[in-house]
Protein backbone atom coordinates (compact mmCIF):
# COMPACT_ATOMS: atom_id res chain seq x y z
CA UNK A 1 208.26 39.06 -16.83
CA UNK A 2 210.31 37.65 -19.44
CA UNK A 3 209.87 34.19 -21.22
CA UNK A 4 212.08 31.78 -21.18
CA UNK A 5 213.68 31.20 -24.48
CA UNK A 6 215.61 28.19 -25.46
CA UNK A 7 217.66 27.30 -28.48
CA UNK A 8 218.84 24.47 -30.00
CA UNK A 9 222.58 24.01 -31.60
CA UNK A 10 223.07 20.50 -33.56
CA UNK A 11 226.85 20.27 -34.10
CA UNK A 12 229.23 18.02 -36.75
CA UNK A 13 231.70 16.17 -34.74
CA UNK A 14 234.17 17.72 -37.58
CA UNK A 15 235.71 21.05 -36.06
CA UNK A 16 232.64 21.56 -33.56
CA UNK A 17 234.20 23.51 -31.08
CA UNK A 18 235.51 26.06 -33.36
CA UNK A 19 231.62 26.37 -35.07
CA UNK A 20 230.04 26.16 -31.61
CA UNK A 21 232.24 29.45 -30.41
CA UNK A 22 230.86 31.17 -34.12
CA UNK A 23 227.66 30.08 -33.43
CA UNK A 24 227.34 31.30 -29.85
CA UNK A 25 229.25 34.74 -31.45
CA UNK A 26 226.36 35.04 -34.22
CA UNK A 27 223.92 34.66 -31.59
CA UNK A 28 225.07 36.58 -29.13
CA UNK A 29 224.89 40.23 -31.73
CA UNK A 30 221.26 39.77 -31.62
CA UNK A 31 220.06 38.10 -28.50
CA UNK A 32 221.62 37.17 -24.66
CA UNK A 33 223.03 33.74 -24.15
CA UNK A 34 222.42 34.02 -20.31
CA UNK A 35 223.32 29.93 -19.51
CA UNK A 36 224.14 26.91 -21.82
CA UNK A 37 224.27 23.36 -21.50
CA UNK A 38 226.76 20.71 -21.52
CA UNK A 39 227.61 19.50 -25.38
CA UNK A 40 226.06 16.04 -25.99
CA UNK A 41 226.21 12.91 -28.09
CA UNK A 42 224.03 10.19 -28.33
CA UNK A 43 225.68 6.43 -27.14
CA UNK A 44 223.65 3.71 -28.37
CA UNK A 45 224.37 0.15 -27.02
CA UNK A 46 226.51 -1.85 -29.15
CA UNK A 47 226.50 -5.68 -29.71
CA UNK A 48 226.95 -7.74 -26.81
CA UNK A 49 226.76 -4.88 -24.44
CA UNK A 50 229.42 -2.91 -25.60
CA UNK A 51 228.71 1.00 -25.97
CA UNK A 52 229.40 2.67 -29.76
CA UNK A 53 228.98 6.25 -30.02
CA UNK A 54 226.72 6.95 -32.82
CA UNK A 55 228.27 9.20 -35.38
CA UNK A 56 225.82 11.62 -35.73
CA UNK A 57 225.44 15.11 -34.19
CA UNK A 58 226.20 16.99 -31.19
CA UNK A 59 223.67 19.16 -29.44
CA UNK A 60 223.67 22.01 -27.37
CA UNK A 61 221.00 23.91 -25.61
CA UNK A 62 221.22 27.79 -25.25
CA UNK A 63 219.23 30.04 -22.81
CA UNK A 64 218.66 33.36 -24.27
CA UNK A 65 216.82 36.64 -23.99
CA UNK A 66 215.61 38.50 -26.99
CA UNK A 67 213.25 41.21 -28.08
CA UNK A 68 212.33 39.64 -31.18
CA UNK A 69 209.06 37.76 -31.71
CA UNK A 70 209.38 33.83 -32.71
CA UNK A 71 208.94 34.48 -36.32
CA UNK A 72 211.79 37.22 -36.41
CA UNK A 73 214.06 35.30 -34.36
CA UNK A 74 213.33 31.93 -36.39
CA UNK A 75 214.28 34.29 -39.59
CA UNK A 76 217.76 35.56 -37.65
CA UNK A 77 218.72 32.10 -36.46
CA UNK A 78 217.80 30.87 -40.39
CA UNK A 79 220.22 33.91 -41.37
CA UNK A 80 223.02 32.97 -38.82
CA UNK A 81 222.55 29.26 -39.97
CA UNK A 82 223.06 30.52 -43.40
CA UNK A 83 226.35 32.53 -42.57
CA UNK A 84 227.75 29.54 -40.78
CA UNK A 85 227.02 27.46 -43.68
CA UNK A 86 229.05 29.26 -46.23
CA UNK A 87 228.11 30.40 -49.59
CA UNK A 88 225.53 28.30 -51.25
CA UNK A 89 225.74 25.29 -48.91
CA UNK A 90 222.60 25.77 -47.05
CA UNK A 91 220.78 24.39 -44.53
CA UNK A 92 223.03 22.30 -41.98
CA UNK A 93 226.12 22.81 -44.82
CA UNK A 94 229.67 23.22 -44.76
CA UNK A 95 230.25 24.20 -40.91
CA UNK A 96 227.75 21.80 -39.97
CA UNK A 97 225.72 23.89 -37.28
CA UNK A 98 221.62 23.89 -37.16
CA UNK A 99 220.07 26.31 -35.14
CA UNK A 100 216.41 25.93 -34.07
CA UNK A 101 214.02 27.45 -31.45
CA UNK A 102 213.10 24.47 -29.23
CA UNK A 103 211.00 26.70 -26.72
CA UNK A 104 209.79 30.09 -26.31
CA UNK A 105 208.27 30.36 -23.22
CA UNK A 106 205.33 28.45 -22.66
CA UNK A 107 204.22 29.60 -26.09
CA UNK A 108 203.02 27.26 -29.32
CA UNK A 109 202.65 28.34 -32.19
CA UNK A 110 201.87 26.56 -35.68
CA UNK A 111 202.68 29.11 -39.01
CA UNK A 112 204.12 28.30 -42.22
CA UNK A 113 207.61 27.21 -41.54
CA UNK A 114 207.18 28.06 -37.39
CA UNK A 115 206.12 25.52 -35.34
CA UNK A 116 206.68 26.17 -31.50
CA UNK A 117 207.43 24.03 -29.26
CA UNK A 118 209.79 22.42 -31.58
CA UNK A 119 208.15 19.40 -32.41
CA UNK A 120 210.16 16.12 -31.37
CA UNK A 121 211.31 17.82 -28.23
CA UNK A 122 209.50 15.83 -26.29
CA UNK A 123 211.01 12.75 -27.67
CA UNK A 124 214.58 13.43 -27.72
CA UNK A 125 216.98 12.35 -25.09
CA UNK A 126 219.54 14.73 -25.66
CA UNK A 127 217.22 17.87 -25.56
CA UNK A 128 215.81 16.54 -22.67
CA UNK A 129 218.85 15.75 -21.05
CA UNK A 130 220.25 19.26 -21.89
CA UNK A 131 216.95 20.61 -20.71
CA UNK A 132 217.00 18.68 -17.53
CA UNK A 133 220.58 20.11 -16.83
CA UNK A 134 219.47 24.05 -17.28
CA UNK A 135 215.80 24.14 -16.05
CA UNK A 136 214.84 20.50 -14.40
CA UNK A 137 211.19 22.04 -13.74
CA UNK A 138 210.22 23.60 -17.09
CA UNK A 139 207.03 22.76 -17.96
CA UNK A 140 206.57 21.40 -21.85
CA UNK A 141 203.97 23.53 -23.30
CA UNK A 142 202.20 20.99 -25.15
CA UNK A 143 202.80 17.44 -23.02
CA UNK A 144 202.34 20.09 -19.65
CA UNK A 145 204.78 18.17 -18.25
CA UNK A 146 208.46 18.84 -16.52
CA UNK A 147 211.34 18.20 -18.58
CA UNK A 148 212.45 15.41 -16.12
CA UNK A 149 209.48 14.06 -16.30
CA UNK A 150 209.19 13.16 -20.02
CA UNK A 151 213.39 12.43 -19.55
CA UNK A 152 212.72 9.96 -16.65
CA UNK A 153 209.76 8.43 -18.91
CA UNK A 154 210.63 8.23 -22.14
CA UNK A 155 210.32 4.90 -23.83
CA UNK A 156 214.30 3.28 -23.36
CA UNK A 157 215.33 2.65 -27.06
CA UNK A 158 219.03 1.57 -26.01
CA UNK A 159 220.28 4.78 -26.60
CA UNK A 160 221.69 7.13 -24.17
CA UNK A 161 222.20 10.92 -23.85
CA UNK A 162 225.77 11.86 -22.19
CA UNK A 163 228.06 14.94 -21.79
CA UNK A 164 230.43 14.65 -24.93
CA UNK A 165 234.08 14.79 -23.94
CA UNK A 166 236.80 15.24 -26.08
CA UNK A 167 238.55 12.12 -27.52
């Protein structure tokens, strides 16, 4: 049985639609994209009960299939991210796209530059919201709880993850 693999795409709000399309296109050259979550933004409680949209990145989770093992997949995602960033910008550069492995089935791995499952996945409202949308009964490999349970019992911080709406 094929393992369920989930990738986190992090996007700068500027030009996010084009950048997401480019990122999916590059990922689709080596991986089969099975499904995708909504694009999420974080909304933080403002003063006097108003909502202020955070200026931080947008996120989307992709479920993929690939024959690549985690280390090779991470290398591919790094090259894809570099291609999206443009020359000499590195990392989350010019295009504002980050690509990370969230989960590789139920595996856990720790090697230089590679940690699976994503070390903050259990504590990020945007990630958990996207995972609940795609696969609510997915058991987090290190927390041994469903993502639905983790989202339900995530400590409240005043922030809320919501599907992104175009302005």
